[in-house]
Amino acid sequence: MQRLDDIMFQIHGAETSQALWDVLASYFRSIGVVMASYNTTESLGKEPVVRLEGFPETWTCKYIEENLVQIDPVPELASRTAQPFYWHELDDLAPSTEDVQRYLRLLKQADIGDGLVFYVFGPAMRNAYARSGLGQVN
């Protein structure tokens, strides 16, 4: 595992968002995070940014092809929740609408395991949320 000061040096030296993501994805892998994503929320008319690492291709394709971002409760929950939360807590935290329940069923069927969601804040209103997946936890 890399030392924290080495990671911070690499983060500071990242000149693009992709370079920053590469540093973070490498660090996540080194500490056992098997899936990670970074999704910006809407800010100042900019296009959202989505970075993914390690999610099963079948889930990623389904999410994109079926436009599940429209019913995914995570972005809204992350933006209004002060505390990080686990994926398995979505049943209790998410609104009980038909669309959300459909999303949760699809997520369970994908069987990608558990993970953590947390909201992050950046300069120029570039707020985002991150998902870090632990995979199947035994």
Protein backbone atom coordinates (compact mmCIF):
# COMPACT_ATOMS: atom_id res chain seq x y z
CA MET A 1 0.00 0.00 0.00
CA GLN A 2 1.23 3.47 -0.86
CA ARG A 3 2.07 5.97 1.87
CA LEU A 4 -0.44 8.75 2.37
CA ASP A 5 2.11 11.51 1.73
CA ASP A 6 2.99 9.87 -1.62
CA ILE A 7 -0.70 9.82 -2.57
CA MET A 8 -1.13 13.46 -1.57
CA PHE A 9 1.93 14.42 -3.66
CA GLN A 10 0.46 12.61 -6.68
CA ILE A 11 -2.94 14.24 -6.14
CA HIS A 12 -1.34 17.67 -5.95
CA GLY A 13 0.57 17.00 -9.18
CA ALA A 14 -2.44 15.78 -11.15
CA GLU A 15 -3.01 18.26 -13.96
CA THR A 16 -6.28 16.86 -15.30
CA SER A 17 -9.36 15.29 -13.77
CA GLN A 18 -8.43 12.02 -15.51
CA ALA A 19 -4.95 12.09 -13.96
CA LEU A 20 -6.50 12.71 -10.55
CA TRP A 21 -8.93 9.83 -11.06
CA ASP A 22 -6.06 7.52 -12.07
CA VAL A 23 -4.25 8.30 -8.80
CA LEU A 24 -7.37 7.74 -6.74
CA ALA A 25 -8.39 4.53 -8.55
CA SER A 26 -4.91 3.12 -7.98
CA TYR A 27 -5.09 4.01 -4.31
CA PHE A 28 -8.57 2.49 -3.97
CA ARG A 29 -7.35 -0.78 -5.48
CA SER A 30 -4.39 -0.81 -3.07
CA ILE A 31 -6.71 -0.68 -0.04
CA GLY A 32 -9.14 -3.34 -1.28
CA VAL A 33 -11.86 -1.21 -2.85
CA VAL A 34 -12.95 -3.26 -5.88
CA MET A 35 -15.39 -0.74 -7.40
CA ALA A 36 -15.36 3.03 -7.33
CA SER A 37 -17.18 5.84 -9.02
CA TYR A 38 -17.09 9.60 -8.89
CA ASN A 39 -20.10 11.48 -10.18
CA THR A 40 -20.36 15.25 -10.21
CA THR A 41 -23.69 16.78 -9.48
CA GLU A 42 -24.98 19.62 -11.60
CA SER A 43 -22.81 22.70 -11.19
CA LEU A 44 -22.72 25.97 -13.04
CA GLY A 45 -24.14 24.54 -16.26
CA LYS A 46 -21.29 22.05 -16.69
CA GLU A 47 -21.79 18.55 -18.02
CA PRO A 48 -21.71 15.93 -15.26
CA VAL A 49 -18.52 13.92 -14.96
CA VAL A 50 -18.68 10.19 -14.29
CA ARG A 51 -15.61 8.08 -13.56
CA LEU A 52 -15.93 4.33 -13.01
CA GLU A 53 -13.55 1.63 -11.90
CA GLY A 54 -14.24 -2.07 -11.40
CA PHE A 55 -18.03 -2.21 -11.74
CA PRO A 56 -19.24 -5.30 -13.63
CA GLU A 57 -19.71 -4.52 -17.33
CA THR A 58 -23.19 -6.01 -17.28
CA TRP A 59 -24.31 -3.58 -14.55
CA THR A 60 -22.62 -0.60 -16.22
CA CYS A 61 -24.25 -1.41 -19.57
CA LYS A 62 -27.69 -1.89 -17.98
CA TYR A 63 -27.31 1.40 -16.06
CA ILE A 64 -26.47 3.27 -19.27
CA GLU A 65 -28.81 1.48 -21.71
CA GLU A 66 -31.83 1.68 -19.40
CA ASN A 67 -30.97 5.24 -18.31
CA LEU A 68 -31.10 4.19 -14.67
CA VAL A 69 -29.59 7.51 -13.65
CA GLN A 70 -33.15 8.83 -13.93
CA ILE A 71 -34.35 6.57 -11.08
CA ASP A 72 -31.12 6.05 -9.11
CA PRO A 73 -31.83 7.38 -5.59
CA VAL A 74 -28.14 7.69 -4.66
CA PRO A 75 -27.38 11.18 -6.05
CA GLU A 76 -30.27 12.82 -4.22
CA LEU A 77 -29.65 10.88 -1.00
CA ALA A 78 -25.94 11.69 -1.05
CA SER A 79 -26.61 15.40 -1.55
CA ARG A 80 -28.94 15.67 1.43
CA THR A 81 -27.23 13.28 3.82
CA ALA A 82 -24.47 14.57 6.06
CA GLN A 83 -23.23 11.06 6.81
CA PRO A 84 -21.83 8.44 4.44
CA PHE A 85 -24.10 5.45 3.99
CA TYR A 86 -23.76 1.85 2.84
CA TRP A 87 -25.44 0.51 -0.26
CA HIS A 88 -27.35 -2.01 1.84
CA GLU A 89 -28.99 0.91 3.68
CA LEU A 90 -30.69 2.16 0.50
CA ASP A 91 -33.80 0.08 1.29
CA ASP A 92 -34.34 2.14 4.44
CA LEU A 93 -33.10 5.53 3.18
CA ALA A 94 -34.54 5.77 -0.32
CA PRO A 95 -38.09 6.92 -1.01
CA SER A 96 -40.51 4.09 -1.60
CA THR A 97 -41.57 5.06 -5.10
CA GLU A 98 -42.19 2.53 -7.85
CA ASP A 99 -39.12 3.73 -9.80
CA VAL A 100 -36.81 3.58 -6.80
CA GLN A 101 -38.06 0.13 -5.88
CA ARG A 102 -37.39 -1.00 -9.46
CA TYR A 103 -33.85 0.39 -9.24
CA LEU A 104 -33.22 -1.38 -5.93
CA ARG A 105 -34.49 -4.68 -7.38
CA LEU A 106 -32.15 -4.32 -10.37
CA LEU A 107 -29.24 -3.48 -8.09
CA LYS A 108 -29.90 -6.57 -5.97
CA GLN A 109 -30.17 -8.73 -9.09
CA ALA A 110 -26.77 -7.42 -10.24
CA ASP A 111 -25.33 -8.91 -7.02
CA ILE A 112 -22.38 -6.52 -6.86
CA GLY A 113 -22.11 -6.57 -3.10
CA ASP A 114 -21.90 -3.72 -0.64
CA GLY A 115 -20.16 -0.38 -0.62
CA LEU A 116 -20.15 3.11 0.75
CA VAL A 117 -21.53 6.41 -0.63
CA PHE A 118 -20.30 9.81 0.46
CA TYR A 119 -20.78 13.36 -0.75
CA VAL A 120 -17.71 15.45 -1.57
CA PHE A 121 -17.28 19.19 -2.07
CA GLY A 122 -15.02 20.93 -4.56
CA PRO A 123 -14.11 24.39 -5.74
CA ALA A 124 -16.43 26.41 -8.00
CA MET A 125 -19.49 24.47 -6.80
CA ARG A 126 -18.13 21.24 -8.26
CA ASN A 127 -19.75 18.99 -5.71
CA ALA A 128 -19.96 15.28 -6.31
CA TYR A 129 -20.63 11.97 -4.70
CA ALA A 130 -18.45 8.90 -4.63
CA ARG A 131 -19.29 5.24 -4.39
CA SER A 132 -16.70 2.79 -3.16
CA GLY A 133 -17.63 -0.84 -3.58
CA LEU A 134 -16.31 -3.59 -1.41
CA GLY A 135 -17.81 -6.35 -3.55
CA GLN A 136 -19.12 -9.46 -1.87
CA VAL A 137 -18.47 -9.18 1.85
CA ASN A 138 -18.45 -12.53 3.63
